[in-house]
Each structure stands twice: as structure tokens, then as C-alpha cells.
Amino acid sequence: MRFGKVAGMTSPLARPLALPNGVVLKNRFGKAPLTEGLADPLNRATERHVRLYRRWAEGGAGVIVTGNVQVDRRYLERPGNVVIDRDQPGADGVAALKAYARAGTAQGAQLWMQISHPGRQTPRRVCEHPVAPSAVPLSLPASAFAPPRAMTEEEVEDVPRRFAHTAGIARAAGFTGVQIHAAHGYLLSQFLTPLVNRRTDRWGGALEARARLLLEVVRAVRAATAADLCISVKLNSSDFQQGGFSNEECLDVVRWLGEASVDLIEVSGGNYEKPAMMGSGARDSTVRREAYFMEYARLIKQAAAVPIMLTGGFRSRAAMEEALAEGACDVIGLGRPMCVDTDLPNRLLDGAIDRAEAYEEAIVPAKGALGWFCLQLIRHGDGLPPDRTMAGEEAIRRYLANEEATAAALVGRT
């Protein structure tokens, strides 16, 4: 048993955390959601998920959030996503999901399935006809993302039912919670921002209408599951785009989510156009203090009736402990460092190290970082050690080759 004693004192990172539904996290470390790309050609979980998530569970995090599992097979964030689609019953690979859940809940870890719909942020290689609240294309190369069409009202009304179905399968398979992805520019985030949501029906306009879909998803998931299933929401503190979803609007949504009885909110920020979640566009003062969204988290914590997980930039144990001590958050989210060092929480709690390695600082060119970290997850899934010496250019080539090969192998792609 690990007591989290550092220099003769018990670290606040080792303290358990009771969630509103009574579930207790064994410590304050959260493995943040990271897209894995490990599904088979039918978008089912595989033995690679089992290997990867067993490593993370044995690594000591109190809660582990999966990479986004899609609720609609037609719209993928990338070709290797796991999909649980209500319209294809029996195609979920439940036995594989159960093995995945057993591995991810080892050592008393909570395992929460992140459930998501990418909306317009689905690559052209897997979808030529994406959807969005309104027909607003991404301000990114059209060769990568096709212009979306506006969803019909019937399609919007179907979204909560899809999320609820996926959550029900997750619980039946042994996942202890779900995280509803409403950040980083995916569909629910698109509905929140007036830059993409230009609807004039009951789903658009004032913030109450733009937030309606997210709140209906939360209610549908709660109604379809049970109180022992933790429900988390990942929410942008801001889109960091002029005229987009603002921090002031975020605070209102946080209050409404508290009234909807979610168990935890993960704070992040940005989207594909403004990737603040990768350290781009966040305020300089918070970047210098490691946590990109610390200033926003302090405000959100004051508005929140539920625990907050803060993700983005944490590297030193001192900064993590300070964030907890000052009440800026309740859980420390770790992402990129855990792509490489899956046992990072144990090592920080044991005092073996006092900071995570900032691998992204050594990747040249910097644009190779996305592929570099994704390829580390694939190596873990294959039972291999991480490759810390991989060059940035090599990572770009190998990542793109993997995505193309995975897309080409997809069965039933639209």
C-alpha cells in the first residue's frame, strides 16, 4: 500500500476524495483522457486497450478517464476510436469492453469512459459529410476536414439518447463512470459557442439555449444508469476565441451542471482552431505556473457545487500540491506525461521523483508532439516500453502512416 509520504509528510495528493454520489477516489491523481487509436477495424476495444489500461491502473492514479468513445459510428474523432452505437446493437464487443474495464479498475482505480461526438471535428479520411450545430466550417485546411452541414432538430434530439445508450453499455461492462465530453471543440462544445452555433431554434441563441443539449445529455445519462455510476463533464474554461464560449458563460454552465447532479467537472480549454489545451493561447502567467487554466479554475471552483479536476501543464509535485492547498481544484489531471510514464502517480507519491518529465520540450519540430505522444500509447498497447528517443520528424511520418492504415482498414466506414 502506498501512503504518499514525501520527505516525512503525507502529501495532499494522497488524500482520498469523496464524490457527491458517495464514490471515493483513493487519491487526487486523475489520468486525463487521451485519444488512443487502438480499436479494431470494427471500432471495438482490443487487447491493446487491456495492456495500456492495466499499466495505468497499476501506475497509481485514483481515477483514469479513457480516450473518447464515440456514440455514433458515422462520426469519428480518428479512425481508431472505440464506438458504442445504439443503431448497431450487438456490435459493441461487450466481452472486450469487460476485459478493458477489469484491467482499468485494477488496484482500486476508478475507470471512467469518456463518451463523445466530434461534430465537425471529424477528419475527412473517415467522414466526408460531418455535422455541426450550424454549417460553419473549421478554419483549418479543407483537405483535412470537410465542411459540415447543420443538424436537423430531429438529429439534435437524438444525441442525448445516443449518449445514454453508450453510458448504459459502459456501466454494464464494468466501467465505474462516464465523462461527457463538452470541451475542445467537439459537438457539445460546438453547441455552447456562438461562433459555431448560429441556430434560431430552441438549441441556439442565448446561453441557456446553447447549453440545453449538454444538460439534456447529462439528464439522459443519469436516467439511463444508476447513482453508483459517476458522471463527469469535461468543459472548456474558455474557447480562447473572440466571440466564442467565454469564461463568464462557463461559470453559468458550471452552476447548472451542479444543479444537474454531476459528480465532477474537468476543466480544460481550447479547440482544434485554438489548441489552448496543448499550452497554446493560455495566459502567460498561468503557463509560468505550469497549470494553463489555473486562473480560470479558481473562479470555476468558487462557482462549482461539485469537485473540480484541473488538467493542462502540471509537471512538478510542488505545483500540484499548491493547487490543491489553495483550493483551485480537487483532482490533478495528468495527460502527456502519462503517455510515457504510466506509473507517474506512484513515483510522485513515493517521493522517487518530484516532477514529471516535460517530454514535449525536447520534441523537434514541435508539431511532431501529437504524433509522438500518440505513438507512445500504441507502444504501451503492444506491450512495448515507450520510445523516449523518437525524433519529431519520425513521429510525424509514423503517426500519419498509422492513421491512414487504420482508416483504410475500417469496416463499414461512411
Protein backbone atom coordinates (compact mmCIF):
# COMPACT_ATOMS: atom_id res chain seq x y z
CA MET A 1 0.00 0.00 0.00
CA ARG A 2 1.24 3.46 -0.92
CA PHE A 3 0.80 6.16 1.70
CA GLY A 4 2.13 9.07 -0.36
CA LYS A 5 4.71 10.16 2.17
CA VAL A 6 7.08 12.76 0.81
CA ALA A 7 10.00 13.98 2.95
CA GLY A 8 8.39 12.53 6.06
CA MET A 9 4.99 14.18 5.48
CA THR A 10 1.83 12.87 3.90
CA SER A 11 1.25 14.62 0.57
CA PRO A 12 -2.20 16.15 -0.07
CA LEU A 13 -2.03 14.26 -3.37
CA ALA A 14 -2.52 11.05 -1.37
CA ARG A 15 -5.76 12.14 0.31
CA PRO A 16 -8.93 10.31 -0.72
CA LEU A 17 -11.76 12.33 -2.24
CA ALA A 18 -15.45 11.58 -1.68
CA LEU A 19 -17.61 12.44 -4.70
CA PRO A 20 -21.24 13.63 -4.40
CA ASN A 21 -22.63 10.16 -5.19
CA GLY A 22 -20.57 8.59 -2.38
CA VAL A 23 -17.83 7.04 -4.51
CA VAL A 24 -14.36 7.67 -3.07
CA LEU A 25 -11.27 8.30 -5.19
CA LYS A 26 -8.22 6.77 -3.49
CA ASN A 27 -6.05 9.82 -4.23
CA ARG A 28 -6.02 13.13 -6.07
CA PHE A 29 -4.40 11.99 -9.32
CA GLY A 30 -6.51 11.77 -12.46
CA LYS A 31 -5.21 10.27 -15.68
CA ALA A 32 -6.65 12.76 -18.16
CA PRO A 33 -8.43 11.47 -21.28
CA LEU A 34 -6.07 10.78 -24.18
CA THR A 35 -7.12 9.56 -27.61
CA GLU A 36 -5.62 6.09 -28.10
CA GLY A 37 -6.45 4.90 -31.65
CA LEU A 38 -6.29 1.24 -30.57
CA ALA A 39 -9.68 -0.08 -31.77
CA ASP A 40 -10.04 -2.87 -34.33
CA PRO A 41 -11.46 -2.29 -37.86
CA LEU A 42 -14.98 -2.61 -36.41
CA ASN A 43 -14.17 0.09 -33.83
CA ARG A 44 -14.25 -2.37 -30.93
CA ALA A 45 -11.97 -2.50 -27.90
CA THR A 46 -8.94 -4.77 -28.18
CA GLU A 47 -6.24 -6.46 -26.13
CA ARG A 48 -4.16 -3.34 -26.72
CA HIS A 49 -6.59 -1.38 -24.53
CA VAL A 50 -6.26 -4.04 -21.84
CA ARG A 51 -2.45 -3.80 -21.81
CA LEU A 52 -2.41 0.01 -21.80
CA TYR A 53 -5.07 0.47 -19.14
CA ARG A 54 -3.61 -2.19 -16.88
CA ARG A 55 -0.35 -0.20 -16.90
CA TRP A 56 -2.21 2.99 -16.00
CA ALA A 57 -4.25 1.30 -13.26
CA GLU A 58 -1.14 -0.23 -11.73
CA GLY A 59 0.55 3.18 -12.02
CA GLY A 60 -1.44 4.59 -9.14
CA ALA A 61 -3.97 7.15 -10.42
CA GLY A 62 -7.15 7.45 -8.37
CA VAL A 63 -9.28 7.94 -11.49
CA ILE A 64 -8.50 7.05 -15.09
CA VAL A 65 -10.51 8.65 -17.88
CA THR A 66 -10.43 6.88 -21.24
CA GLY A 67 -9.92 8.40 -24.65
CA ASN A 68 -13.14 9.46 -26.35
CA VAL A 69 -15.56 6.64 -27.16
CA GLN A 70 -17.89 7.71 -29.94
CA VAL A 71 -21.68 7.48 -29.68
CA ASP A 72 -22.27 7.47 -33.46
CA ARG A 73 -20.31 5.27 -35.86
CA ARG A 74 -20.74 7.73 -38.71
CA TYR A 75 -18.66 10.39 -36.97
CA LEU A 76 -15.22 9.57 -35.58
CA GLU A 77 -12.56 11.75 -33.98
CA ARG A 78 -9.97 9.44 -35.61
CA PRO A 79 -10.11 6.03 -37.27
CA GLY A 80 -9.03 4.00 -34.22
CA ASN A 81 -11.83 5.19 -31.90
CA VAL A 82 -13.92 2.73 -29.92
CA VAL A 83 -17.60 3.15 -30.85
CA ILE A 84 -20.74 2.14 -28.97
CA ASP A 85 -23.60 2.92 -31.33
CA ARG A 86 -27.25 2.50 -30.39
CA ASP A 87 -28.12 1.79 -34.04
CA GLN A 88 -25.85 -1.28 -34.17
CA PRO A 89 -26.82 -3.41 -31.15
CA GLY A 90 -24.51 -6.33 -30.53
CA ALA A 91 -21.63 -4.73 -32.43
CA ASP A 92 -20.05 -3.23 -29.32
CA GLY A 93 -17.75 -6.15 -28.48
CA VAL A 94 -19.01 -6.34 -24.89
CA ALA A 95 -16.60 -9.13 -23.90
CA ALA A 96 -13.67 -6.95 -24.96
CA LEU A 97 -15.14 -3.97 -23.10
CA LYS A 98 -15.39 -6.09 -19.93
CA ALA A 99 -11.73 -7.11 -20.20
CA TYR A 100 -10.85 -3.45 -20.77
CA ALA A 101 -12.81 -2.44 -17.65
CA ARG A 102 -11.24 -5.15 -15.48
CA ALA A 103 -7.76 -4.01 -16.46
CA GLY A 104 -8.53 -0.32 -15.89
CA THR A 105 -10.04 -0.83 -12.43
CA ALA A 106 -7.08 -2.79 -11.02
CA GLN A 107 -5.56 -1.57 -7.74
CA GLY A 108 -8.77 0.23 -6.79
CA ALA A 109 -8.69 2.74 -9.64
CA GLN A 110 -11.88 4.33 -10.91
CA LEU A 111 -12.24 3.91 -14.69
CA TRP A 112 -14.48 6.41 -16.46
CA MET A 113 -15.36 6.08 -20.13
CA GLN A 114 -15.21 9.41 -21.94
CA ILE A 115 -18.18 9.49 -24.32
CA SER A 116 -18.18 11.90 -27.20
CA HIS A 117 -19.44 13.07 -30.58
CA PRO A 118 -16.90 15.05 -32.65
CA GLY A 119 -19.37 17.05 -34.71
CA ARG A 120 -17.46 18.98 -37.35
CA GLN A 121 -14.09 17.88 -35.90
CA THR A 122 -14.09 14.56 -37.72
CA PRO A 123 -11.28 14.13 -40.27
CA ARG A 124 -12.07 13.83 -43.95
CA ARG A 125 -10.24 10.49 -44.04
CA VAL A 126 -13.09 8.96 -42.01
CA CYS A 127 -16.06 11.21 -42.83
CA GLU A 128 -16.82 13.31 -45.91
CA HIS A 129 -20.09 14.65 -44.51
CA PRO A 130 -19.69 15.86 -40.91
CA VAL A 131 -22.42 17.60 -38.94
CA ALA A 132 -22.45 20.60 -36.61
CA PRO A 133 -24.97 22.88 -34.92
CA SER A 134 -24.70 25.15 -37.96
CA ALA A 135 -22.92 24.86 -41.30
CA VAL A 136 -19.76 26.63 -40.09
CA PRO A 137 -16.53 25.03 -41.37
CA LEU A 138 -13.35 24.79 -39.36
CA SER A 139 -10.81 27.47 -40.18
CA LEU A 140 -8.34 24.70 -40.99
CA PRO A 141 -7.33 23.12 -44.34
CA ALA A 142 -10.39 21.76 -46.16
CA SER A 143 -8.22 18.83 -47.23
CA ALA A 144 -8.26 17.66 -43.59
CA PHE A 145 -11.85 18.50 -42.57
CA ALA A 146 -14.85 18.60 -44.87
CA PRO A 147 -17.38 21.43 -44.40
CA PRO A 148 -20.21 20.35 -42.07
CA ARG A 149 -23.93 20.57 -42.62
CA ALA A 150 -26.32 21.84 -39.96
CA MET A 151 -28.02 19.14 -37.92
CA THR A 152 -31.78 18.81 -38.17
CA GLU A 153 -33.76 19.24 -34.97
CA GLU A 154 -34.54 15.52 -35.02
CA GLU A 155 -30.81 14.74 -35.15
CA VAL A 156 -30.15 17.06 -32.22
CA GLU A 157 -32.91 15.42 -30.19
CA ASP A 158 -31.33 12.02 -30.86
CA VAL A 159 -27.97 12.97 -29.33
CA PRO A 160 -28.97 12.56 -25.65
CA ARG A 161 -30.40 9.11 -26.41
CA ARG A 162 -27.11 8.09 -28.00
CA PHE A 163 -25.05 9.27 -25.03
CA ALA A 164 -27.42 7.49 -22.64
CA HIS A 165 -27.14 4.21 -24.56
CA THR A 166 -23.34 4.36 -24.55
CA ALA A 167 -23.29 5.13 -20.83
CA GLY A 168 -25.55 2.18 -20.12
CA ILE A 169 -23.24 -0.19 -22.01
CA ALA A 170 -20.24 1.25 -20.17
CA ARG A 171 -21.82 0.55 -16.79
CA ALA A 172 -22.86 -2.98 -17.82
CA ALA A 173 -19.27 -3.68 -18.94
CA GLY A 174 -17.81 -2.64 -15.58
CA PHE A 175 -16.70 0.95 -16.11
CA THR A 176 -17.28 2.88 -12.89
CA GLY A 177 -18.17 6.17 -14.51
CA VAL A 178 -18.51 8.16 -17.70
CA GLN A 179 -17.20 11.55 -18.73
CA ILE A 180 -19.35 13.56 -21.12
CA HIS A 181 -17.01 15.43 -23.47
CA ALA A 182 -18.19 19.03 -23.80
CA ALA A 183 -14.78 20.62 -24.41
CA HIS A 184 -12.08 21.02 -27.08
CA GLY A 185 -14.47 21.90 -29.89
CA TYR A 186 -16.36 18.61 -30.12
CA LEU A 187 -20.12 18.58 -30.72
CA LEU A 188 -21.41 19.58 -27.28
CA SER A 189 -18.73 22.27 -27.13
CA GLN A 190 -19.81 23.44 -30.59
CA PHE A 191 -23.34 23.93 -29.31
CA LEU A 192 -22.03 26.07 -26.45
CA THR A 193 -20.16 28.55 -28.65
CA PRO A 194 -21.96 31.23 -30.68
CA LEU A 195 -19.17 31.04 -33.26
CA VAL A 196 -20.45 27.65 -34.40
CA ASN A 197 -23.99 27.58 -33.01
CA ARG A 198 -25.96 30.07 -35.10
CA ARG A 199 -29.26 28.27 -34.74
CA THR A 200 -32.51 30.17 -34.27
CA ASP A 201 -34.50 27.27 -32.81
CA ARG A 202 -34.58 26.18 -29.15
CA TRP A 203 -30.96 24.92 -29.38
CA GLY A 204 -29.40 28.28 -30.23
CA GLY A 205 -29.29 31.93 -29.23
CA ALA A 206 -28.94 32.74 -25.54
CA LEU A 207 -26.59 30.67 -23.40
CA GLU A 208 -29.49 28.81 -21.78
CA ALA A 209 -30.48 27.51 -25.22
CA ARG A 210 -26.90 26.76 -26.32
CA ALA A 211 -26.35 24.77 -23.11
CA ARG A 212 -29.63 22.88 -23.43
CA LEU A 213 -28.15 19.93 -25.33
CA LEU A 214 -25.36 19.37 -22.80
CA LEU A 215 -27.79 19.48 -19.88
CA GLU A 216 -30.20 17.12 -21.63
CA VAL A 217 -27.34 14.72 -22.27
CA VAL A 218 -26.45 14.78 -18.55
CA ARG A 219 -30.07 14.15 -17.56
CA ALA A 220 -30.47 11.33 -20.09
CA VAL A 221 -27.28 9.61 -18.91
CA ARG A 222 -28.35 9.89 -15.27
CA ALA A 223 -31.80 8.49 -16.05
CA ALA A 224 -30.34 5.55 -18.01
CA THR A 225 -27.84 4.50 -15.36
CA ALA A 226 -27.68 4.39 -11.55
CA ALA A 227 -26.36 6.58 -8.75
CA ASP A 228 -23.27 4.42 -8.34
CA LEU A 229 -22.09 5.38 -11.84
CA CYS A 230 -20.01 8.55 -11.62
CA ILE A 231 -20.90 11.23 -14.15
CA SER A 232 -18.23 13.75 -15.06
CA VAL A 233 -18.28 16.54 -17.64
CA LYS A 234 -15.22 17.90 -19.43
CA LEU A 235 -15.78 21.60 -20.01
CA ASN A 236 -13.78 24.43 -21.53
CA SER A 237 -12.91 27.24 -19.15
CA SER A 238 -12.95 29.30 -22.36
CA ASP A 239 -12.55 28.71 -26.09
CA PHE A 240 -9.88 31.44 -26.21
CA GLN A 241 -11.53 32.80 -29.37
CA GLN A 242 -13.04 36.25 -29.68
CA GLY A 243 -16.81 35.91 -29.69
CA GLY A 244 -16.66 32.28 -28.56
CA PHE A 245 -17.65 30.49 -25.35
CA SER A 246 -16.34 32.76 -22.61
CA ASN A 247 -15.21 32.16 -19.05
CA GLU A 248 -18.23 34.10 -17.78
CA GLU A 249 -20.51 31.73 -19.70
CA CYS A 250 -18.51 28.77 -18.40
CA LEU A 251 -19.28 29.83 -14.81
CA ASP A 252 -23.01 29.78 -15.54
CA VAL A 253 -22.79 26.34 -17.13
CA VAL A 254 -20.79 25.07 -14.15
CA ARG A 255 -23.60 26.19 -11.82
CA TRP A 256 -26.20 24.44 -13.97
CA LEU A 257 -24.14 21.25 -14.07
CA GLY A 258 -24.02 21.31 -10.26
CA GLU A 259 -27.81 21.54 -10.20
CA ALA A 260 -27.92 18.57 -12.62
CA SER A 261 -26.03 16.46 -10.05
CA VAL A 262 -22.82 15.66 -11.91
CA ASP A 263 -20.06 14.22 -9.72
CA LEU A 264 -17.00 16.02 -11.10
CA ILE A 265 -16.12 18.64 -13.72
CA GLU A 266 -12.80 18.51 -15.56
CA VAL A 267 -11.59 21.98 -16.57
CA SER A 268 -9.68 22.46 -19.81
CA GLY A 269 -9.85 24.88 -22.73
CA GLY A 270 -9.45 25.47 -26.46
CA ASN A 271 -10.28 23.52 -29.61
CA TYR A 272 -8.66 22.47 -32.89
CA GLU A 273 -8.55 26.08 -34.10
CA LYS A 274 -7.11 27.40 -30.83
CA PRO A 275 -5.38 24.48 -29.08
CA ALA A 276 -5.00 26.02 -25.63
CA MET A 277 -5.20 22.51 -24.12
CA MET A 278 -1.73 21.95 -25.59
CA GLY A 279 -0.35 25.12 -23.99
CA SER A 280 -1.11 27.42 -26.93
CA GLY A 281 -3.04 30.58 -26.20
CA ALA A 282 -3.29 30.27 -22.43
CA ARG A 283 -2.32 33.26 -20.32
CA ASP A 284 1.41 33.69 -19.81
CA SER A 285 1.10 33.96 -16.04
CA THR A 286 -0.60 30.58 -15.79
CA VAL A 287 1.84 28.99 -18.22
CA ARG A 288 4.71 30.07 -15.99
CA ARG A 289 2.95 28.43 -13.07
CA GLU A 290 2.58 25.21 -15.11
CA ALA A 291 -1.22 24.89 -14.96
CA TYR A 292 -2.52 26.55 -18.13
CA PHE A 293 -6.00 27.15 -16.73
CA MET A 294 -5.23 27.87 -13.07
CA GLU A 295 -6.65 31.39 -13.04
CA TYR A 296 -9.89 30.13 -14.56
CA ALA A 297 -10.02 27.13 -12.25
CA ARG A 298 -10.02 29.39 -9.20
CA LEU A 299 -13.15 31.14 -10.48
CA ILE A 300 -14.79 27.89 -11.53
CA LYS A 301 -14.13 26.32 -8.13
CA GLN A 302 -16.00 29.18 -6.47
CA ALA A 303 -19.00 28.60 -8.75
CA ALA A 304 -18.94 24.82 -8.60
CA ALA A 305 -21.01 22.72 -6.24
CA VAL A 306 -19.00 19.63 -7.21
CA PRO A 307 -15.30 18.66 -7.24
CA ILE A 308 -13.04 20.04 -9.97
CA MET A 309 -10.29 18.24 -11.88
CA LEU A 310 -7.76 20.63 -13.44
CA THR A 311 -5.81 19.38 -16.46
CA GLY A 312 -3.14 21.07 -18.52
CA GLY A 313 0.54 21.66 -17.88
CA PHE A 314 1.18 20.25 -14.40
CA ARG A 315 4.71 18.87 -14.09
CA SER A 316 6.07 19.48 -10.56
CA ARG A 317 4.72 17.92 -7.38
CA ALA A 318 5.08 21.33 -5.69
CA ALA A 319 2.71 22.99 -8.19
CA MET A 320 0.23 20.14 -7.87
CA GLU A 321 0.21 20.33 -4.09
CA GLU A 322 -0.10 24.13 -4.18
CA ALA A 323 -3.14 23.91 -6.47
CA LEU A 324 -4.83 21.54 -4.04
CA ALA A 325 -3.81 23.51 -0.96
CA GLU A 326 -5.17 26.81 -2.25
CA GLY A 327 -8.43 25.17 -3.29
CA ALA A 328 -8.11 25.82 -7.02
CA CYS A 329 -9.07 22.19 -7.72
CA ASP A 330 -9.68 18.83 -6.07
CA VAL A 331 -8.00 16.48 -8.57
CA ILE A 332 -4.81 16.95 -10.61
CA GLY A 333 -5.21 15.83 -14.21
CA LEU A 334 -2.10 14.42 -15.91
CA GLY A 335 -2.07 13.82 -19.65
CA ARG A 336 1.03 13.86 -21.83
CA PRO A 337 3.50 12.75 -19.11
CA MET A 338 1.42 9.61 -18.58
CA CYS A 339 1.67 8.71 -22.26
CA VAL A 340 5.24 7.80 -21.40
CA ASP A 341 5.45 7.23 -17.65
CA THR A 342 2.32 5.26 -16.82
CA ASP A 343 3.45 4.87 -13.19
CA LEU A 344 3.92 8.60 -12.64
CA PRO A 345 1.40 8.91 -9.74
CA ASN A 346 3.11 6.14 -7.76
CA ARG A 347 6.54 7.68 -8.29
CA LEU A 348 5.37 11.14 -7.22
CA LEU A 349 3.62 9.75 -4.15
CA ASP A 350 6.64 7.65 -3.16
CA GLY A 351 8.96 10.62 -3.45
CA ALA A 352 11.03 8.81 -6.06
CA ILE A 353 10.74 11.94 -8.23
CA ASP A 354 9.50 15.46 -7.58
CA ARG A 355 8.42 16.35 -11.10
CA ALA A 356 7.21 14.78 -14.32
CA GLU A 357 9.42 14.89 -17.35
CA ALA A 358 8.38 17.62 -19.83
CA TYR A 359 8.96 15.48 -22.91
CA GLU A 360 7.23 17.97 -25.20
CA GLU A 361 10.07 20.45 -24.70
CA ALA A 362 12.56 18.15 -26.41
CA ILE A 363 10.44 17.24 -29.45
CA VAL A 364 11.74 18.90 -32.63
CA PRO A 365 9.88 20.07 -34.58
CA ALA A 366 7.20 20.89 -32.00
CA LYS A 367 4.44 19.96 -34.47
CA GLY A 368 5.57 16.35 -34.08
CA ALA A 369 4.36 16.27 -30.45
CA LEU A 370 0.83 15.00 -31.20
CA GLY A 371 2.13 12.01 -33.15
CA TRP A 372 4.97 11.42 -30.69
CA PHE A 373 2.66 11.03 -27.71
CA CYS A 374 0.05 9.00 -29.63
CA LEU A 375 2.72 6.56 -30.77
CA GLN A 376 3.81 6.04 -27.15
CA LEU A 377 0.29 4.84 -26.33
CA ILE A 378 0.41 2.40 -29.22
CA ARG A 379 3.70 1.04 -27.90
CA HIS A 380 2.19 0.51 -24.45
CA GLY A 381 -0.78 -1.21 -26.09
CA ASP A 382 1.61 -3.52 -27.91
CA GLY A 383 3.33 -4.41 -24.65
CA LEU A 384 6.47 -2.44 -25.52
CA PRO A 385 8.33 0.16 -23.47
CA PRO A 386 8.00 3.82 -24.51
CA ASP A 387 10.47 5.19 -27.04
CA ARG A 388 11.81 8.34 -25.43
CA THR A 389 14.39 8.93 -28.18
CA MET A 390 11.94 9.12 -31.10
CA ALA A 391 12.62 12.16 -33.30
CA GLY A 392 9.83 14.60 -34.09
CA GLU A 393 10.02 14.13 -37.87
CA GLU A 394 9.94 10.35 -37.44
CA ALA A 395 6.89 10.70 -35.18
CA ILE A 396 5.04 12.74 -37.81
CA ARG A 397 5.73 10.15 -40.54
CA ARG A 398 4.82 7.17 -38.40
CA TYR A 399 1.71 8.75 -36.94
CA LEU A 400 0.32 9.76 -40.34
CA ALA A 401 1.09 6.31 -41.76
CA ASN A 402 -0.71 4.69 -38.82
CA GLU A 403 -3.78 6.90 -39.25
CA GLU A 404 -4.01 6.19 -42.97
CA ALA A 405 -3.59 2.43 -42.48
CA THR A 406 -6.16 2.37 -39.68
CA ALA A 407 -8.65 4.36 -41.77
CA ALA A 408 -8.14 2.09 -44.79
CA ALA A 409 -8.90 -0.98 -42.66
CA LEU A 410 -12.18 0.36 -41.25
CA VAL A 411 -15.22 -1.80 -41.94
CA GLY A 412 -18.50 -0.06 -42.79
CA ARG A 413 -16.97 3.41 -42.99
CA THR A 414 -19.19 6.15 -44.41
